[in-house]
Structures are given as structure tokens and as C-alpha cells.
Amino acid sequence: MTIKLTGAPIFLNLVRHASFMKRKIRWRNAQGKFEGVKYEHVTYFPKRPDHVDPPFEPSKLLLVRRVKPFAGNPWWEKEMLENLGFEAKKHGDNPVIVKNTPQMCAMLWRVKHLVKIVPIKLPDKLPTADDLNGTYLHENGTFYVVPKVDPIREEAVEQFMNSVKKLNRDIIQEKLRLKWLEGNLM
């Protein structure tokens, strides 16, 4: 701040020019045009010219949870939530599982501020009809399959639990106590 002879302050406006911060793309092809990876309407310029995107397999199913209430939203958003499978009358955060299709993604995009979307990670080997009782869908989107215990192993565990020769803490403690009382410990 400087002051003239009149006594009124004059403010100097210092502007930082961020031209040095602009990203300079250096990769050009033989014709002088920029090289980049084209994704529909977007051209992506990687950090290094030899950069290769890792293989990516999108999830087939999405776990959708409602995080905001129905009240206070316009009718078209309420209708969209009902079309996704959420109920207006029901109070709670019951998740809905939807397919990962362009139509569903367009619907979810319209209500993205009202829901939480988690891709479901499926195991390599999907469960059979017999294994459906041993499945669990975690809230982080991981689908667990707990395999059934084969009958031979179940029988072996049952025999071990009911065996007379089995030694556990209570049996050992009782035997040693009786030997101590009889004086035959040594």
C-alpha cells in the first residue's frame, strides 16, 4: 500500500500469473499433432508416452444404498428411486442390487446425490443352488461364498467331540486334582 500526497491510500493489485503451472503436452506424432488416447469425446494424455492402462473388468452388478430420504426431493427423483426399487413408505436403508447396464447407469446418474453405489466383486467360482445358504454380501460389495463342509469331515469332528480319549482342560484338571488328593502325583 502506498500513500500519495493527498493522504488517500492506493492499493496495488498484484496478480499471480499461473502460466508456468499450465500443463504442457510434449508428445506429438510425426505430423506434429498431439498423441493421446481417445475415449469417445475425451482425449486422455498420459504422464509418460509409454503408459499403458491396466486391464479393467467392470462389475456386472451394483449395490445401491439410499443415503438421503425421499422427503424434500422433486417428484421426478422420487419416481426414479421407486423405479430403482426403493420404497417411499419404508424407512430404512435396505440395499438394492441392479445390473450394470447403460440404462441403469443413466438412472443412477440422475439420483447420484441420493444414493451410494458400490460395485459388487463376485468370486471366480459362482455358488451352486446347494451353496446359496453359505453366501454373504458385505457392505463393501464383496460377495463371499462359504463352501459346505463335506460329510466325512463333519463326521470326523463329531467323533472327536464325543471321543472318550479326548483330553481337554477340564478333564486334565480333574484328573490331576484327584491324583494330588490321593498323594500319587509323583
N, C-alpha and C. Protein backbone atom coordinates (compact mmCIF):
# COMPACT_ATOMS: atom_id res chain seq x y z
N MET A 1 0.85 -1.17 0.00
CA MET A 1 0.00 0.00 0.00
C MET A 1 0.90 1.24 0.00
N THR A 2 0.57 2.14 -0.89
CA THR A 2 1.32 3.41 -0.95
C THR A 2 0.36 4.56 -0.70
N ILE A 3 0.91 5.69 -0.26
CA ILE A 3 0.08 6.86 0.04
C ILE A 3 0.59 8.04 -0.78
N LYS A 4 -0.34 8.68 -1.49
CA LYS A 4 0.01 9.90 -2.23
C LYS A 4 0.02 11.10 -1.27
N LEU A 5 0.35 12.22 -1.82
CA LEU A 5 0.35 13.43 -1.01
C LEU A 5 -1.04 13.79 -0.53
N THR A 6 -2.07 13.31 -1.21
CA THR A 6 -3.42 13.65 -0.81
C THR A 6 -3.82 12.89 0.45
N GLY A 7 -3.10 11.84 0.80
CA GLY A 7 -3.41 11.08 2.01
C GLY A 7 -4.32 9.89 1.75
N ALA A 8 -4.86 9.76 0.55
CA ALA A 8 -5.75 8.63 0.25
C ALA A 8 -4.88 7.42 -0.12
N PRO A 9 -5.18 6.25 0.44
CA PRO A 9 -4.36 5.07 0.12
C PRO A 9 -4.66 4.54 -1.29
N ILE A 10 -3.63 4.10 -1.95
CA ILE A 10 -3.77 3.47 -3.26
C ILE A 10 -3.36 2.02 -3.11
N PHE A 11 -4.24 1.12 -3.49
CA PHE A 11 -3.96 -0.30 -3.36
C PHE A 11 -3.40 -0.83 -4.68
N LEU A 12 -2.31 -1.54 -4.59
CA LEU A 12 -1.73 -2.15 -5.76
C LEU A 12 -2.26 -3.57 -5.87
N ASN A 13 -2.73 -3.90 -7.01
CA ASN A 13 -3.28 -5.23 -7.21
C ASN A 13 -2.21 -6.09 -7.87
N LEU A 14 -1.65 -7.01 -7.09
CA LEU A 14 -0.64 -7.91 -7.62
C LEU A 14 -1.31 -9.22 -8.01
N VAL A 15 -1.18 -9.57 -9.25
CA VAL A 15 -1.83 -10.78 -9.76
C VAL A 15 -0.75 -11.81 -10.04
N ARG A 16 -0.97 -12.99 -9.56
CA ARG A 16 -0.03 -14.08 -9.84
C ARG A 16 -0.45 -14.73 -11.15
N HIS A 17 0.44 -14.71 -12.09
CA HIS A 17 0.15 -15.34 -13.37
C HIS A 17 0.56 -16.80 -13.28
N ALA A 18 -0.38 -17.70 -13.52
CA ALA A 18 -0.14 -19.13 -13.37
C ALA A 18 0.20 -19.78 -14.70
N SER A 19 0.82 -19.02 -15.60
CA SER A 19 1.14 -19.62 -16.89
C SER A 19 2.21 -20.69 -16.76
N PHE A 20 3.05 -20.57 -15.72
CA PHE A 20 4.08 -21.59 -15.53
C PHE A 20 3.48 -22.89 -15.00
N MET A 21 2.25 -22.82 -14.45
CA MET A 21 1.62 -24.02 -13.89
C MET A 21 0.82 -24.79 -14.93
N LYS A 22 0.63 -24.23 -16.11
CA LYS A 22 -0.16 -24.92 -17.12
C LYS A 22 0.56 -26.17 -17.59
N ARG A 23 -0.20 -27.19 -17.85
CA ARG A 23 0.37 -28.46 -18.28
C ARG A 23 0.78 -28.38 -19.75
N LYS A 24 2.00 -28.72 -20.01
CA LYS A 24 2.49 -28.71 -21.38
C LYS A 24 2.55 -30.14 -21.88
N ILE A 25 1.87 -30.40 -22.97
CA ILE A 25 1.85 -31.73 -23.55
C ILE A 25 2.95 -31.79 -24.58
N ARG A 26 3.88 -32.71 -24.40
CA ARG A 26 5.06 -32.75 -25.24
C ARG A 26 5.02 -33.84 -26.30
N TRP A 27 4.06 -34.73 -26.23
CA TRP A 27 4.09 -35.89 -27.12
C TRP A 27 3.33 -35.58 -28.40
N ARG A 28 4.08 -35.52 -29.45
CA ARG A 28 3.48 -35.28 -30.76
C ARG A 28 3.90 -36.40 -31.69
N ASN A 29 3.04 -36.67 -32.65
CA ASN A 29 3.39 -37.70 -33.63
C ASN A 29 4.22 -37.07 -34.75
N ALA A 30 4.47 -37.81 -35.81
CA ALA A 30 5.33 -37.33 -36.90
C ALA A 30 4.75 -36.10 -37.59
N GLN A 31 3.41 -35.97 -37.63
CA GLN A 31 2.78 -34.83 -38.30
C GLN A 31 2.74 -33.60 -37.39
N GLY A 32 3.13 -33.74 -36.14
CA GLY A 32 3.09 -32.61 -35.22
C GLY A 32 1.82 -32.51 -34.42
N LYS A 33 0.92 -33.47 -34.57
CA LYS A 33 -0.33 -33.45 -33.80
C LYS A 33 -0.09 -34.14 -32.46
N PHE A 34 -0.88 -33.74 -31.47
CA PHE A 34 -0.75 -34.33 -30.14
C PHE A 34 -1.21 -35.78 -30.16
N GLU A 35 -0.42 -36.63 -29.49
CA GLU A 35 -0.81 -38.03 -29.36
C GLU A 35 -1.51 -38.20 -28.02
N GLY A 36 -2.62 -38.85 -28.05
CA GLY A 36 -3.37 -39.12 -26.83
C GLY A 36 -4.28 -40.30 -27.05
N VAL A 37 -4.79 -40.83 -25.97
CA VAL A 37 -5.73 -41.95 -26.04
C VAL A 37 -7.13 -41.37 -26.09
N LYS A 38 -7.88 -41.74 -27.11
CA LYS A 38 -9.22 -41.19 -27.31
C LYS A 38 -10.26 -42.11 -26.66
N TYR A 39 -11.03 -41.58 -25.71
CA TYR A 39 -12.14 -42.28 -25.09
C TYR A 39 -13.41 -41.51 -25.46
N GLU A 40 -14.10 -41.95 -26.49
CA GLU A 40 -15.29 -41.31 -27.04
C GLU A 40 -15.03 -39.83 -27.31
N HIS A 41 -15.51 -38.92 -26.44
CA HIS A 41 -15.36 -37.48 -26.70
C HIS A 41 -14.18 -36.87 -25.95
N VAL A 42 -13.45 -37.68 -25.20
CA VAL A 42 -12.37 -37.18 -24.36
C VAL A 42 -11.05 -37.73 -24.85
N THR A 43 -10.05 -36.88 -24.97
CA THR A 43 -8.69 -37.32 -25.30
C THR A 43 -7.88 -37.27 -24.03
N TYR A 44 -7.29 -38.40 -23.69
CA TYR A 44 -6.51 -38.54 -22.46
C TYR A 44 -5.03 -38.53 -22.81
N PHE A 45 -4.28 -37.63 -22.16
CA PHE A 45 -2.84 -37.54 -22.37
C PHE A 45 -2.15 -38.10 -21.12
N PRO A 46 -1.54 -39.25 -21.23
CA PRO A 46 -0.88 -39.84 -20.05
C PRO A 46 0.36 -39.07 -19.65
N LYS A 47 0.86 -39.34 -18.43
CA LYS A 47 2.06 -38.67 -17.95
C LYS A 47 3.28 -39.03 -18.78
N ARG A 48 3.39 -40.32 -19.10
CA ARG A 48 4.54 -40.77 -19.90
C ARG A 48 4.01 -41.33 -21.21
N PRO A 49 4.75 -41.19 -22.29
CA PRO A 49 4.28 -41.69 -23.59
C PRO A 49 4.15 -43.21 -23.63
N ASP A 50 4.91 -43.93 -22.78
CA ASP A 50 4.84 -45.39 -22.81
C ASP A 50 3.82 -45.94 -21.82
N HIS A 51 2.99 -45.07 -21.24
CA HIS A 51 1.99 -45.50 -20.26
C HIS A 51 0.91 -46.37 -20.92
N VAL A 52 0.60 -47.50 -20.27
CA VAL A 52 -0.45 -48.39 -20.74
C VAL A 52 -1.45 -48.58 -19.60
N ASP A 53 -2.72 -48.40 -19.90
CA ASP A 53 -3.74 -48.58 -18.87
C ASP A 53 -3.81 -50.03 -18.46
N PRO A 54 -3.99 -50.30 -17.15
CA PRO A 54 -4.14 -51.69 -16.72
C PRO A 54 -5.47 -52.25 -17.20
N PRO A 55 -5.55 -53.56 -17.40
CA PRO A 55 -6.82 -54.13 -17.83
C PRO A 55 -7.88 -53.95 -16.74
N PHE A 56 -9.06 -53.59 -17.15
CA PHE A 56 -10.13 -53.30 -16.20
C PHE A 56 -11.39 -54.04 -16.62
N GLU A 57 -11.94 -54.80 -15.73
CA GLU A 57 -13.18 -55.54 -15.98
C GLU A 57 -14.27 -54.90 -15.12
N PRO A 58 -15.26 -54.23 -15.71
CA PRO A 58 -16.31 -53.60 -14.90
C PRO A 58 -17.18 -54.65 -14.22
N SER A 59 -17.72 -54.27 -13.09
CA SER A 59 -18.58 -55.17 -12.33
C SER A 59 -19.90 -55.37 -13.06
N LYS A 60 -20.47 -56.57 -12.96
CA LYS A 60 -21.74 -56.86 -13.64
C LYS A 60 -22.93 -56.39 -12.81
N LEU A 61 -22.75 -56.30 -11.49
CA LEU A 61 -23.83 -55.90 -10.60
C LEU A 61 -23.38 -54.73 -9.73
N LEU A 62 -24.34 -53.90 -9.32
CA LEU A 62 -24.06 -52.76 -8.45
C LEU A 62 -24.94 -52.84 -7.21
N LEU A 63 -24.36 -52.54 -6.07
CA LEU A 63 -25.10 -52.47 -4.81
C LEU A 63 -25.43 -51.01 -4.57
N VAL A 64 -26.71 -50.67 -4.50
CA VAL A 64 -27.14 -49.28 -4.37
C VAL A 64 -27.84 -49.12 -3.03
N ARG A 65 -27.38 -48.14 -2.24
CA ARG A 65 -28.00 -47.81 -0.95
C ARG A 65 -28.50 -46.37 -1.00
N ARG A 66 -29.67 -46.17 -0.43
CA ARG A 66 -30.21 -44.81 -0.34
C ARG A 66 -29.59 -44.14 0.88
N VAL A 67 -29.01 -42.95 0.70
CA VAL A 67 -28.38 -42.23 1.81
C VAL A 67 -29.15 -40.98 2.20
N LYS A 68 -30.05 -40.52 1.35
CA LYS A 68 -30.88 -39.35 1.65
C LYS A 68 -32.35 -39.77 1.63
N PRO A 69 -33.20 -39.13 2.43
CA PRO A 69 -34.61 -39.52 2.46
C PRO A 69 -35.37 -39.07 1.21
N PHE A 70 -36.56 -39.63 1.04
CA PHE A 70 -37.42 -39.24 -0.07
C PHE A 70 -37.92 -37.81 0.10
N ALA A 71 -38.21 -37.42 1.34
CA ALA A 71 -38.81 -36.12 1.60
C ALA A 71 -37.88 -34.99 1.17
N GLY A 72 -38.47 -33.98 0.57
CA GLY A 72 -37.71 -32.81 0.16
C GLY A 72 -37.12 -32.90 -1.24
N ASN A 73 -37.37 -33.99 -1.94
CA ASN A 73 -36.86 -34.14 -3.30
C ASN A 73 -37.99 -33.94 -4.30
N PRO A 74 -37.69 -33.51 -5.51
CA PRO A 74 -38.73 -33.35 -6.52
C PRO A 74 -39.36 -34.69 -6.91
N TRP A 75 -40.52 -34.62 -7.51
CA TRP A 75 -41.27 -35.84 -7.82
C TRP A 75 -40.52 -36.74 -8.79
N TRP A 76 -39.75 -36.15 -9.72
CA TRP A 76 -39.06 -36.98 -10.71
C TRP A 76 -37.93 -37.79 -10.07
N GLU A 77 -37.30 -37.23 -9.02
CA GLU A 77 -36.28 -38.01 -8.32
C GLU A 77 -36.90 -39.11 -7.47
N LYS A 78 -38.04 -38.82 -6.86
CA LYS A 78 -38.75 -39.85 -6.09
C LYS A 78 -39.19 -40.98 -7.01
N GLU A 79 -39.67 -40.62 -8.18
CA GLU A 79 -40.09 -41.63 -9.16
C GLU A 79 -38.90 -42.47 -9.63
N MET A 80 -37.77 -41.83 -9.82
CA MET A 80 -36.56 -42.54 -10.23
C MET A 80 -36.12 -43.53 -9.16
N LEU A 81 -36.18 -43.12 -7.88
CA LEU A 81 -35.81 -44.02 -6.78
C LEU A 81 -36.77 -45.20 -6.70
N GLU A 82 -38.06 -44.96 -6.94
CA GLU A 82 -39.03 -46.06 -6.94
C GLU A 82 -38.78 -47.00 -8.11
N ASN A 83 -38.39 -46.47 -9.26
CA ASN A 83 -38.06 -47.32 -10.41
C ASN A 83 -36.82 -48.18 -10.14
N LEU A 84 -35.91 -47.66 -9.32
CA LEU A 84 -34.72 -48.43 -8.97
C LEU A 84 -35.04 -49.54 -7.97
N GLY A 85 -36.16 -49.42 -7.24
CA GLY A 85 -36.56 -50.46 -6.30
C GLY A 85 -36.67 -50.00 -4.86
N PHE A 86 -36.43 -48.72 -4.59
CA PHE A 86 -36.58 -48.20 -3.24
C PHE A 86 -38.04 -47.86 -2.99
N GLU A 87 -38.50 -48.05 -1.76
CA GLU A 87 -39.89 -47.78 -1.41
C GLU A 87 -39.95 -46.51 -0.58
N ALA A 88 -40.91 -45.63 -0.91
CA ALA A 88 -41.02 -44.35 -0.22
C ALA A 88 -41.54 -44.55 1.20
N LYS A 89 -42.45 -45.48 1.40
CA LYS A 89 -43.06 -45.67 2.71
C LYS A 89 -42.11 -46.35 3.68
N LYS A 90 -41.25 -47.21 3.16
CA LYS A 90 -40.38 -48.00 4.01
C LYS A 90 -39.24 -47.13 4.53
N HIS A 91 -39.06 -47.14 5.84
CA HIS A 91 -37.97 -46.37 6.44
C HIS A 91 -36.83 -47.32 6.74
N GLY A 92 -35.70 -47.08 6.15
CA GLY A 92 -34.54 -47.95 6.35
C GLY A 92 -33.65 -47.89 5.13
N ASP A 93 -32.50 -48.46 5.28
CA ASP A 93 -31.55 -48.41 4.17
C ASP A 93 -31.33 -49.79 3.59
N ASN A 94 -32.41 -50.42 3.16
CA ASN A 94 -32.27 -51.72 2.51
C ASN A 94 -31.61 -51.52 1.15
N PRO A 95 -30.54 -52.25 0.90
CA PRO A 95 -29.86 -52.06 -0.39
C PRO A 95 -30.63 -52.70 -1.54
N VAL A 96 -30.36 -52.20 -2.72
CA VAL A 96 -30.95 -52.73 -3.94
C VAL A 96 -29.81 -53.14 -4.86
N ILE A 97 -29.95 -54.30 -5.49
CA ILE A 97 -28.94 -54.78 -6.43
C ILE A 97 -29.47 -54.59 -7.84
N VAL A 98 -28.70 -53.90 -8.67
CA VAL A 98 -29.12 -53.63 -10.05
C VAL A 98 -28.01 -54.08 -11.00
N LYS A 99 -28.39 -54.32 -12.26
CA LYS A 99 -27.41 -54.68 -13.28
C LYS A 99 -26.65 -53.43 -13.71
N ASN A 100 -25.42 -53.64 -14.12
CA ASN A 100 -24.58 -52.54 -14.60
C ASN A 100 -24.78 -52.40 -16.11
N THR A 101 -25.87 -51.76 -16.49
CA THR A 101 -26.18 -51.51 -17.89
C THR A 101 -26.19 -50.00 -18.12
N PRO A 102 -26.06 -49.56 -19.36
CA PRO A 102 -26.09 -48.11 -19.62
C PRO A 102 -27.38 -47.44 -19.16
N GLN A 103 -28.52 -48.15 -19.28
CA GLN A 103 -29.79 -47.57 -18.85
C GLN A 103 -29.82 -47.37 -17.34
N MET A 104 -29.34 -48.38 -16.60
CA MET A 104 -29.31 -48.28 -15.14
C MET A 104 -28.33 -47.20 -14.70
N CYS A 105 -27.19 -47.13 -15.37
CA CYS A 105 -26.20 -46.11 -15.01
C CYS A 105 -26.74 -44.71 -15.28
N ALA A 106 -27.55 -44.55 -16.32
CA ALA A 106 -28.17 -43.25 -16.60
C ALA A 106 -29.16 -42.89 -15.50
N MET A 107 -29.94 -43.88 -15.04
CA MET A 107 -30.87 -43.63 -13.93
C MET A 107 -30.12 -43.28 -12.66
N LEU A 108 -29.05 -44.01 -12.37
CA LEU A 108 -28.28 -43.75 -11.16
C LEU A 108 -27.58 -42.39 -11.23
N TRP A 109 -27.20 -41.96 -12.43
CA TRP A 109 -26.55 -40.66 -12.59
C TRP A 109 -27.49 -39.53 -12.19
N ARG A 110 -28.80 -39.71 -12.47
CA ARG A 110 -29.77 -38.67 -12.15
C ARG A 110 -30.02 -38.53 -10.65
N VAL A 111 -29.80 -39.62 -9.91
CA VAL A 111 -30.04 -39.57 -8.45
C VAL A 111 -28.75 -39.87 -7.67
N LYS A 112 -27.61 -39.54 -8.25
CA LYS A 112 -26.33 -39.88 -7.63
C LYS A 112 -26.12 -39.18 -6.29
N HIS A 113 -26.78 -38.06 -6.06
CA HIS A 113 -26.65 -37.34 -4.81
C HIS A 113 -27.52 -37.94 -3.71
N LEU A 114 -28.40 -38.89 -4.06
CA LEU A 114 -29.30 -39.50 -3.09
C LEU A 114 -28.90 -40.93 -2.72
N VAL A 115 -27.97 -41.52 -3.47
CA VAL A 115 -27.63 -42.93 -3.27
C VAL A 115 -26.11 -43.10 -3.17
N LYS A 116 -25.73 -44.25 -2.63
CA LYS A 116 -24.33 -44.66 -2.60
C LYS A 116 -24.23 -45.91 -3.45
N ILE A 117 -23.31 -45.92 -4.41
CA ILE A 117 -23.19 -47.02 -5.37
C ILE A 117 -21.87 -47.73 -5.14
N VAL A 118 -21.95 -49.05 -4.96
CA VAL A 118 -20.76 -49.87 -4.73
C VAL A 118 -20.78 -51.02 -5.74
N PRO A 119 -19.71 -51.21 -6.52
CA PRO A 119 -19.69 -52.37 -7.42
C PRO A 119 -19.52 -53.66 -6.63
N ILE A 120 -20.21 -54.71 -7.06
CA ILE A 120 -20.15 -56.00 -6.38
C ILE A 120 -19.03 -56.82 -6.99
N LYS A 121 -18.11 -57.28 -6.12
CA LYS A 121 -17.00 -58.12 -6.57
C LYS A 121 -17.42 -59.58 -6.41
N LEU A 122 -17.62 -60.26 -7.52
CA LEU A 122 -18.05 -61.65 -7.48
C LEU A 122 -16.84 -62.57 -7.43
N PRO A 123 -16.96 -63.73 -6.77
CA PRO A 123 -15.84 -64.67 -6.77
C PRO A 123 -15.69 -65.32 -8.14
N ASP A 124 -14.53 -65.97 -8.36
CA ASP A 124 -14.28 -66.63 -9.64
C ASP A 124 -15.27 -67.76 -9.88
N LYS A 125 -15.54 -68.52 -8.82
CA LYS A 125 -16.46 -69.65 -8.94
C LYS A 125 -17.78 -69.27 -8.27
N LEU A 126 -18.83 -69.13 -9.07
CA LEU A 126 -20.12 -68.76 -8.52
C LEU A 126 -20.75 -69.93 -7.79
N PRO A 127 -21.58 -69.65 -6.78
CA PRO A 127 -22.16 -70.74 -6.00
C PRO A 127 -23.23 -71.51 -6.78
N THR A 128 -23.39 -72.77 -6.40
CA THR A 128 -24.45 -73.59 -6.98
C THR A 128 -25.70 -73.41 -6.13
N ALA A 129 -26.76 -74.10 -6.51
CA ALA A 129 -28.02 -73.99 -5.76
C ALA A 129 -27.87 -74.53 -4.34
N ASP A 130 -26.97 -75.50 -4.15
CA ASP A 130 -26.77 -76.06 -2.81
C ASP A 130 -25.99 -75.12 -1.90
N ASP A 131 -25.16 -74.26 -2.48
CA ASP A 131 -24.30 -73.38 -1.68
C ASP A 131 -24.96 -72.05 -1.33
N LEU A 132 -26.19 -71.80 -1.73
CA LEU A 132 -26.80 -70.49 -1.53
C LEU A 132 -26.98 -70.16 -0.05
N ASN A 133 -27.08 -71.14 0.82
CA ASN A 133 -27.21 -70.85 2.25
C ASN A 133 -25.91 -70.33 2.84
N GLY A 134 -24.79 -70.58 2.21
CA GLY A 134 -23.50 -70.15 2.71
C GLY A 134 -22.96 -68.94 1.98
N THR A 135 -23.82 -68.01 1.54
CA THR A 135 -23.36 -66.81 0.83
C THR A 135 -23.61 -65.58 1.69
N TYR A 136 -22.77 -64.56 1.47
CA TYR A 136 -22.89 -63.33 2.24
C TYR A 136 -22.41 -62.17 1.38
N LEU A 137 -23.19 -61.11 1.33
CA LEU A 137 -22.83 -59.91 0.60
C LEU A 137 -22.44 -58.84 1.60
N HIS A 138 -21.15 -58.49 1.63
CA HIS A 138 -20.64 -57.50 2.58
C HIS A 138 -21.02 -56.11 2.09
N GLU A 139 -21.03 -55.14 3.01
CA GLU A 139 -21.43 -53.78 2.63
C GLU A 139 -20.40 -53.09 1.73
N ASN A 140 -19.16 -53.61 1.67
CA ASN A 140 -18.17 -53.03 0.76
C ASN A 140 -18.29 -53.62 -0.65
N GLY A 141 -19.27 -54.51 -0.87
CA GLY A 141 -19.53 -55.05 -2.19
C GLY A 141 -18.88 -56.39 -2.48
N THR A 142 -18.22 -56.99 -1.51
CA THR A 142 -17.59 -58.28 -1.71
C THR A 142 -18.61 -59.38 -1.45
N PHE A 143 -18.74 -60.28 -2.40
CA PHE A 143 -19.68 -61.40 -2.30
C PHE A 143 -18.90 -62.63 -1.85
N TYR A 144 -19.20 -63.11 -0.64
CA TYR A 144 -18.49 -64.26 -0.08
C TYR A 144 -19.32 -65.51 -0.24
N VAL A 145 -18.64 -66.62 -0.57
CA VAL A 145 -19.28 -67.92 -0.64
C VAL A 145 -18.54 -68.83 0.34
N VAL A 146 -19.26 -69.29 1.37
CA VAL A 146 -18.68 -70.20 2.34
C VAL A 146 -19.07 -71.61 1.90
N PRO A 147 -18.09 -72.41 1.50
CA PRO A 147 -18.44 -73.75 1.00
C PRO A 147 -18.97 -74.64 2.12
N LYS A 148 -19.81 -75.58 1.71
CA LYS A 148 -20.34 -76.54 2.68
C LYS A 148 -19.22 -77.47 3.13
N VAL A 149 -19.33 -77.91 4.38
CA VAL A 149 -18.37 -78.86 4.90
C VAL A 149 -18.79 -80.24 4.42
N ASP A 150 -17.83 -81.00 3.88
CA ASP A 150 -18.16 -82.32 3.37
C ASP A 150 -18.54 -83.25 4.53
N PRO A 151 -19.44 -84.21 4.28
CA PRO A 151 -19.96 -85.06 5.36
C PRO A 151 -18.88 -85.87 6.07
N ILE A 152 -17.80 -86.25 5.39
CA ILE A 152 -16.74 -87.04 6.03
C ILE A 152 -16.06 -86.20 7.11
N ARG A 153 -15.83 -84.93 6.81
CA ARG A 153 -15.20 -84.05 7.80
C ARG A 153 -16.14 -83.77 8.96
N GLU A 154 -17.42 -83.59 8.68
CA GLU A 154 -18.40 -83.39 9.75
C GLU A 154 -18.43 -84.58 10.69
N GLU A 155 -18.42 -85.77 10.12
CA GLU A 155 -18.45 -86.99 10.93
C GLU A 155 -17.19 -87.10 11.78
N ALA A 156 -16.02 -86.76 11.22
CA ALA A 156 -14.77 -86.83 11.96
C ALA A 156 -14.78 -85.85 13.13
N VAL A 157 -15.30 -84.66 12.93
CA VAL A 157 -15.39 -83.68 14.02
C VAL A 157 -16.32 -84.18 15.10
N GLU A 158 -17.45 -84.76 14.71
CA GLU A 158 -18.42 -85.29 15.68
C GLU A 158 -17.80 -86.41 16.50
N GLN A 159 -17.06 -87.31 15.86
CA GLN A 159 -16.40 -88.40 16.58
C GLN A 159 -15.36 -87.86 17.55
N PHE A 160 -14.62 -86.85 17.14
CA PHE A 160 -13.61 -86.28 18.02
C PHE A 160 -14.26 -85.64 19.24
N MET A 161 -15.35 -84.92 19.04
CA MET A 161 -16.00 -84.24 20.16
C MET A 161 -16.57 -85.23 21.17
N ASN A 162 -17.05 -86.38 20.69
CA ASN A 162 -17.68 -87.37 21.58
C ASN A 162 -16.71 -88.47 22.01
N SER A 163 -15.46 -88.37 21.68
CA SER A 163 -14.49 -89.42 21.99
C SER A 163 -14.18 -89.45 23.49
N VAL A 164 -14.02 -90.66 24.01
CA VAL A 164 -13.67 -90.83 25.41
C VAL A 164 -12.20 -90.49 25.64
N LYS A 165 -11.37 -90.71 24.65
CA LYS A 165 -9.94 -90.49 24.76
C LYS A 165 -9.56 -89.02 24.62
N LYS A 166 -10.52 -88.17 24.32
CA LYS A 166 -10.22 -86.76 24.11
C LYS A 166 -9.82 -86.11 25.43
N LEU A 167 -8.74 -85.36 25.39
CA LEU A 167 -8.27 -84.64 26.57
C LEU A 167 -8.50 -83.16 26.36
N ASN A 168 -9.21 -82.59 27.30
CA ASN A 168 -9.36 -81.14 27.28
C ASN A 168 -8.95 -80.59 28.63
N ARG A 169 -9.02 -79.34 28.81
CA ARG A 169 -8.53 -78.69 30.02
C ARG A 169 -9.27 -79.18 31.27
N ASP A 170 -10.59 -79.30 31.17
CA ASP A 170 -11.37 -79.71 32.33
C ASP A 170 -11.04 -81.12 32.78
N ILE A 171 -10.90 -82.05 31.83
CA ILE A 171 -10.60 -83.45 32.17
C ILE A 171 -9.21 -83.56 32.79
N ILE A 172 -8.23 -82.88 32.20
CA ILE A 172 -6.86 -82.93 32.73
C ILE A 172 -6.81 -82.33 34.13
N GLN A 173 -7.51 -81.22 34.34
CA GLN A 173 -7.52 -80.57 35.64
C GLN A 173 -8.14 -81.47 36.70
N GLU A 174 -9.23 -82.12 36.34
CA GLU A 174 -9.91 -83.02 37.29
C GLU A 174 -9.04 -84.22 37.65
N LYS A 175 -8.39 -84.84 36.65
CA LYS A 175 -7.52 -85.99 36.89
C LYS A 175 -6.35 -85.61 37.78
N LEU A 176 -5.71 -84.48 37.50
CA LEU A 176 -4.58 -84.04 38.31
C LEU A 176 -5.01 -83.69 39.74
N ARG A 177 -6.17 -83.11 39.91
CA ARG A 177 -6.68 -82.79 41.25
C ARG A 177 -6.89 -84.06 42.06
N LEU A 178 -7.48 -85.09 41.41
CA LEU A 178 -7.70 -86.35 42.12
C LEU A 178 -6.38 -87.01 42.50
N LYS A 179 -5.40 -86.98 41.60
CA LYS A 179 -4.09 -87.56 41.92
C LYS A 179 -3.42 -86.79 43.06
N TRP A 180 -3.58 -85.49 43.10
CA TRP A 180 -3.00 -84.68 44.16
C TRP A 180 -3.62 -85.02 45.50
N LEU A 181 -4.93 -85.18 45.52
CA LEU A 181 -5.61 -85.51 46.77
C LEU A 181 -5.22 -86.91 47.27
N GLU A 182 -4.99 -87.84 46.37
CA GLU A 182 -4.59 -89.18 46.75
C GLU A 182 -3.13 -89.24 47.14
N GLY A 183 -2.33 -88.26 46.76
CA GLY A 183 -0.92 -88.27 47.05
C GLY A 183 -0.11 -89.06 46.06
N ASN A 184 -0.67 -89.41 44.91
CA ASN A 184 0.02 -90.20 43.89
C ASN A 184 0.54 -89.32 42.74
N LEU A 185 0.77 -88.07 43.03
CA LEU A 185 1.17 -87.18 41.94
C LEU A 185 2.57 -87.49 41.43
N MET A 186 3.47 -87.96 42.31
CA MET A 186 4.82 -88.22 41.86
C MET A 186 5.06 -89.65 41.71
